[in-house]
C-alpha atoms as a PDB file:
ATOM      1  CA  MET A   1      -1.174  16.227   3.421  1.00  0.00           C
ATOM      2  CA  ILE A   2      -1.871  12.525   3.211  1.00  0.00           C
ATOM      3  CA  SER A   3      -4.105  11.229   5.998  1.00  0.00           C
ATOM      4  CA  PHE A   4      -3.424   7.839   7.523  1.00  0.00           C
ATOM      5  CA  GLU A   5      -6.567   7.850   9.686  1.00  0.00           C
ATOM      6  CA  LYS A   6      -8.164   5.086   7.583  1.00  0.00           C
ATOM      7  CA  LEU A   7      -5.160   2.782   7.920  1.00  0.00           C
ATOM      8  CA  ILE A   8      -6.156  -0.119  10.146  1.00  0.00           C
ATOM      9  CA  LEU A   9      -3.085  -2.020  11.263  1.00  0.00           C
ATOM     10  CA  ASN A  10      -3.173  -5.785  11.725  1.00  0.00           C
ATOM     11  CA  ASP A  11      -0.856  -8.421  13.149  1.00  0.00           C
ATOM     12  CA  SER A  12      -0.636 -10.503   9.976  1.00  0.00           C
ATOM     13  CA  GLU A  13       2.246  -8.583   8.371  1.00  0.00           C
ATOM     14  CA  PRO A  14       4.904  -6.043   9.347  1.00  0.00           C
ATOM     15  CA  ILE A  15       3.592  -2.536   9.985  1.00  0.00           C
ATOM     16  CA  TYR A  16       6.071  -0.929   7.586  1.00  0.00           C
ATOM     17  CA  ALA A  17       4.695  -3.131   4.767  1.00  0.00           C
ATOM     18  CA  GLN A  18       1.132  -2.120   5.660  1.00  0.00           C
ATOM     19  CA  ILE A  19       2.113   1.555   5.439  1.00  0.00           C
ATOM     20  CA  VAL A  20       3.758   1.038   2.036  1.00  0.00           C
ATOM     21  CA  ARG A  21       0.698  -0.827   0.728  1.00  0.00           C
ATOM     22  CA  PHE A  22      -1.651   1.859   2.106  1.00  0.00           C
ATOM     23  CA  VAL A  23       0.230   4.527   0.146  1.00  0.00           C
ATOM     24  CA  LYS A  24       0.264   2.397  -3.000  1.00  0.00           C
ATOM     25  CA  ARG A  25      -3.463   1.674  -2.734  1.00  0.00           C
ATOM     26  CA  GLY A  26      -4.137   5.379  -2.293  1.00  0.00           C
ATOM     27  CA  ILE A  27      -2.138   6.124  -5.421  1.00  0.00           C
ATOM     28  CA  VAL A  28      -4.039   3.546  -7.465  1.00  0.00           C
ATOM     29  CA  ALA A  29      -7.387   4.767  -6.076  1.00  0.00           C
ATOM     30  CA  GLU A  30      -6.317   8.350  -6.835  1.00  0.00           C
ATOM     31  CA  THR A  31      -6.870   9.459  -3.242  1.00  0.00           C
ATOM     32  CA  ILE A  32      -3.135  10.191  -3.110  1.00  0.00           C
ATOM     33  CA  GLN A  33      -1.852  12.498  -5.818  1.00  0.00           C
ATOM     34  CA  ASP A  34       1.514  13.462  -7.239  1.00  0.00           C
ATOM     35  CA  GLY A  35       3.122  16.213  -5.177  1.00  0.00           C
ATOM     36  CA  GLU A  36       1.098  15.515  -2.035  1.00  0.00           C
ATOM     37  CA  GLU A  37       2.940  15.945   1.239  1.00  0.00           C
ATOM     38  CA  MET A  38       3.611  12.980   3.498  1.00  0.00           C
ATOM     39  CA  PRO A  39       3.312  13.476   7.258  1.00  0.00           C
ATOM     40  CA  SER A  40       6.638  13.784   9.030  1.00  0.00           C
ATOM     41  CA  ARG A  41       8.030  10.530  10.339  1.00  0.00           C
ATOM     42  CA  ARG A  42       7.576  11.724  13.913  1.00  0.00           C
ATOM     43  CA  VAL A  43       3.951  12.786  13.357  1.00  0.00           C
ATOM     44  CA  LEU A  44       3.031   9.521  11.614  1.00  0.00           C
ATOM     45  CA  SER A  45       4.739   7.532  14.362  1.00  0.00           C
ATOM     46  CA  ALA A  46       2.602   9.304  16.967  1.00  0.00           C
ATOM     47  CA  THR A  47      -0.571   9.047  14.864  1.00  0.00           C
ATOM     48  CA  LEU A  48      -0.233   5.294  14.402  1.00  0.00           C
ATOM     49  CA  GLY A  49       1.321   4.641  17.805  1.00  0.00           C
ATOM     50  CA  VAL A  50       4.299   2.793  16.353  1.00  0.00           C
ATOM     51  CA  ASN A  51       8.061   2.997  16.672  1.00  0.00           C
ATOM     52  CA  PRO A  52       9.638   5.811  14.608  1.00  0.00           C
ATOM     53  CA  ASN A  53      12.072   3.270  13.118  1.00  0.00           C
ATOM     54  CA  THR A  54       9.085   1.462  11.598  1.00  0.00           C
ATOM     55  CA  ILE A  55       7.995   4.660   9.860  1.00  0.00           C
ATOM     56  CA  GLN A  56      11.560   5.296   8.750  1.00  0.00           C
ATOM     57  CA  LYS A  57      11.707   1.843   7.152  1.00  0.00           C
ATOM     58  CA  ALA A  58       8.406   2.401   5.295  1.00  0.00           C
ATOM     59  CA  TYR A  59       9.567   5.788   4.002  1.00  0.00           C
ATOM     60  CA  ARG A  60      12.925   4.345   2.939  1.00  0.00           C
ATOM     61  CA  ILE A  61      11.154   1.648   0.904  1.00  0.00           C
ATOM     62  CA  LEU A  62       8.865   4.247  -0.689  1.00  0.00           C
ATOM     63  CA  GLU A  63      11.930   6.343  -1.526  1.00  0.00           C
ATOM     64  CA  GLU A  64      13.828   3.366  -2.984  1.00  0.00           C
ATOM     65  CA  GLU A  65      10.811   2.545  -5.160  1.00  0.00           C
ATOM     66  CA  GLY A  66      10.682   6.150  -6.354  1.00  0.00           C
ATOM     67  CA  ILE A  67       7.233   6.787  -4.884  1.00  0.00           C
ATOM     68  CA  ILE A  68       8.254   9.581  -2.536  1.00  0.00           C
ATOM     69  CA  ARG A  69      11.152  11.984  -2.488  1.00  0.00           C
ATOM     70  CA  SER A  70      12.696  13.227   0.718  1.00  0.00           C
ATOM     71  CA  HIS A  71      15.494  15.565   1.618  1.00  0.00           C
ATOM     72  CA  ALA A  72      17.411  15.512   4.885  1.00  0.00           C
ATOM     73  CA  GLY A  73      15.588  17.663   7.410  1.00  0.00           C
ATOM     74  CA  ALA A  74      12.864  18.511   4.887  1.00  0.00           C
ATOM     75  CA  LYS A  75       9.396  17.286   4.084  1.00  0.00           C
ATOM     76  CA  SER A  76       8.628  14.219   1.972  1.00  0.00           C
ATOM     77  CA  PHE A  77       6.386  14.373  -1.086  1.00  0.00           C
ATOM     78  CA  VAL A  78       4.753  11.845  -3.390  1.00  0.00           C
ATOM     79  CA  GLN A  79       6.517  11.729  -6.742  1.00  0.00           C
ATOM     80  CA  LEU A  80       4.584  10.014  -9.537  1.00  0.00           C
ATOM     81  CA  ASP A  81       4.164   9.787 -13.255  1.00  0.00           C
ATOM     82  CA  SER A  82       1.676   7.719 -15.263  1.00  0.00           C
ATOM     83  CA  ALA A  83       4.177   4.887 -15.785  1.00  0.00           C
ATOM     84  CA  ALA A  84       4.773   4.647 -12.028  1.00  0.00           C
ATOM     85  CA  VAL A  85       1.036   4.546 -11.316  1.00  0.00           C
ATOM     86  CA  SER A  86       0.545   1.785 -13.913  1.00  0.00           C
ATOM     87  CA  SER A  87       3.415  -0.198 -12.431  1.00  0.00           C
ATOM     88  CA  ILE A  88       2.086   0.165  -8.876  1.00  0.00           C
ATOM     89  CA  ARG A  89      -1.406  -0.863 -10.029  1.00  0.00           C
ATOM     90  CA  ALA A  90      -0.081  -4.020 -11.740  1.00  0.00           C
ATOM     91  CA  GLU A  91       2.057  -4.895  -8.713  1.00  0.00           C
ATOM     92  CA  LEU A  92      -0.852  -4.515  -6.264  1.00  0.00           C
ATOM     93  CA  ILE A  93      -3.288  -6.485  -8.380  1.00  0.00           C
ATOM     94  CA  GLU A  94      -0.849  -9.353  -8.866  1.00  0.00           C
ATOM     95  CA  SER A  95       0.142  -9.408  -5.205  1.00  0.00           C
ATOM     96  CA  GLU A  96      -3.393  -9.318  -3.835  1.00  0.00           C
ATOM     97  CA  ILE A  97      -4.802 -11.815  -6.315  1.00  0.00           C
ATOM     98  CA  GLY A  98      -1.831 -14.081  -5.632  1.00  0.00           C
ATOM     99  CA  ALA A  99      -2.560 -13.998  -1.903  1.00  0.00           C
ATOM    100  CA  LEU A 100      -6.247 -14.713  -2.530  1.00  0.00           C
ATOM    101  CA  ILE A 101      -5.443 -17.651  -4.814  1.00  0.00           C
ATOM    102  CA  GLY A 102      -3.044 -19.041  -2.222  1.00  0.00           C
ATOM    103  CA  ALA A 103      -5.719 -18.832   0.484  1.00  0.00           C
ATOM    104  CA  MET A 104      -8.289 -20.523  -1.767  1.00  0.00           C
ATOM    105  CA  GLN A 105      -5.849 -23.296  -2.654  1.00  0.00           C
ATOM    106  CA  GLN A 106      -5.132 -23.892   1.034  1.00  0.00           C
ATOM    107  CA  SER A 107      -8.887 -24.085   1.621  1.00  0.00           C
ATOM    108  CA  GLY A 108      -9.289 -26.710  -1.082  1.00  0.00           C
ATOM    109  CA  VAL A 109     -11.184 -24.484  -3.518  1.00  0.00           C
ATOM    110  CA  SER A 110     -10.787 -25.655  -7.105  1.00  0.00           C
ATOM    111  CA  LYS A 111      -9.899 -23.325  -9.954  1.00  0.00           C
ATOM    112  CA  GLU A 112     -13.373 -23.806 -11.402  1.00  0.00           C
ATOM    113  CA  GLU A 113     -15.055 -22.979  -8.071  1.00  0.00           C
ATOM    114  CA  ALA A 114     -12.873 -19.895  -7.668  1.00  0.00           C
ATOM    115  CA  LEU A 115     -13.639 -18.629 -11.181  1.00  0.00           C
ATOM    116  CA  SER A 116     -17.353 -19.265 -10.725  1.00  0.00           C
ATOM    117  CA  LEU A 117     -17.370 -17.400  -7.424  1.00  0.00           C
ATOM    118  CA  MET A 118     -15.416 -14.518  -8.886  1.00  0.00           C
ATOM    119  CA  GLN A 119     -17.786 -14.218 -11.847  1.00  0.00           C
ATOM    120  CA  ARG A 120     -20.801 -14.223  -9.526  1.00  0.00           C
ATOM    121  CA  LEU A 121     -19.326 -11.635  -7.188  1.00  0.00           C
ATOM    122  CA  TRP A 122     -18.120  -9.460 -10.068  1.00  0.00           C
ATOM    123  CA  LYS A 123     -21.718  -9.152 -11.310  1.00  0.00           C
ATOM    124  CA  GLU A 124     -22.982  -8.104  -7.871  1.00  0.00           C
END
């Protein structure tokens, strides 16, 4: 069963979106595998201390994106293939780099400064 103990919630974005991203990151990092069981909505709600409707929304998004499959009154499982993993990886990378670029632009960092910093940090 997937553990959400390492999920640290923040106030900067909706909790359901943080749950979705946590699952996607786990898939890309291969800490979440195809066929793995998701905690029940009630259990995850209690574990994270959030409203069950928030968990329901996260699961619904994961279902709509084809990342998990659920059946009424039954358990939910991760459902992946290599194309889905590649798509999730590309989506996460673009989203996170886009947010970083936006923050750097707001801070007045030039493209050249950003590239230089990234090259330096990449080597470390």
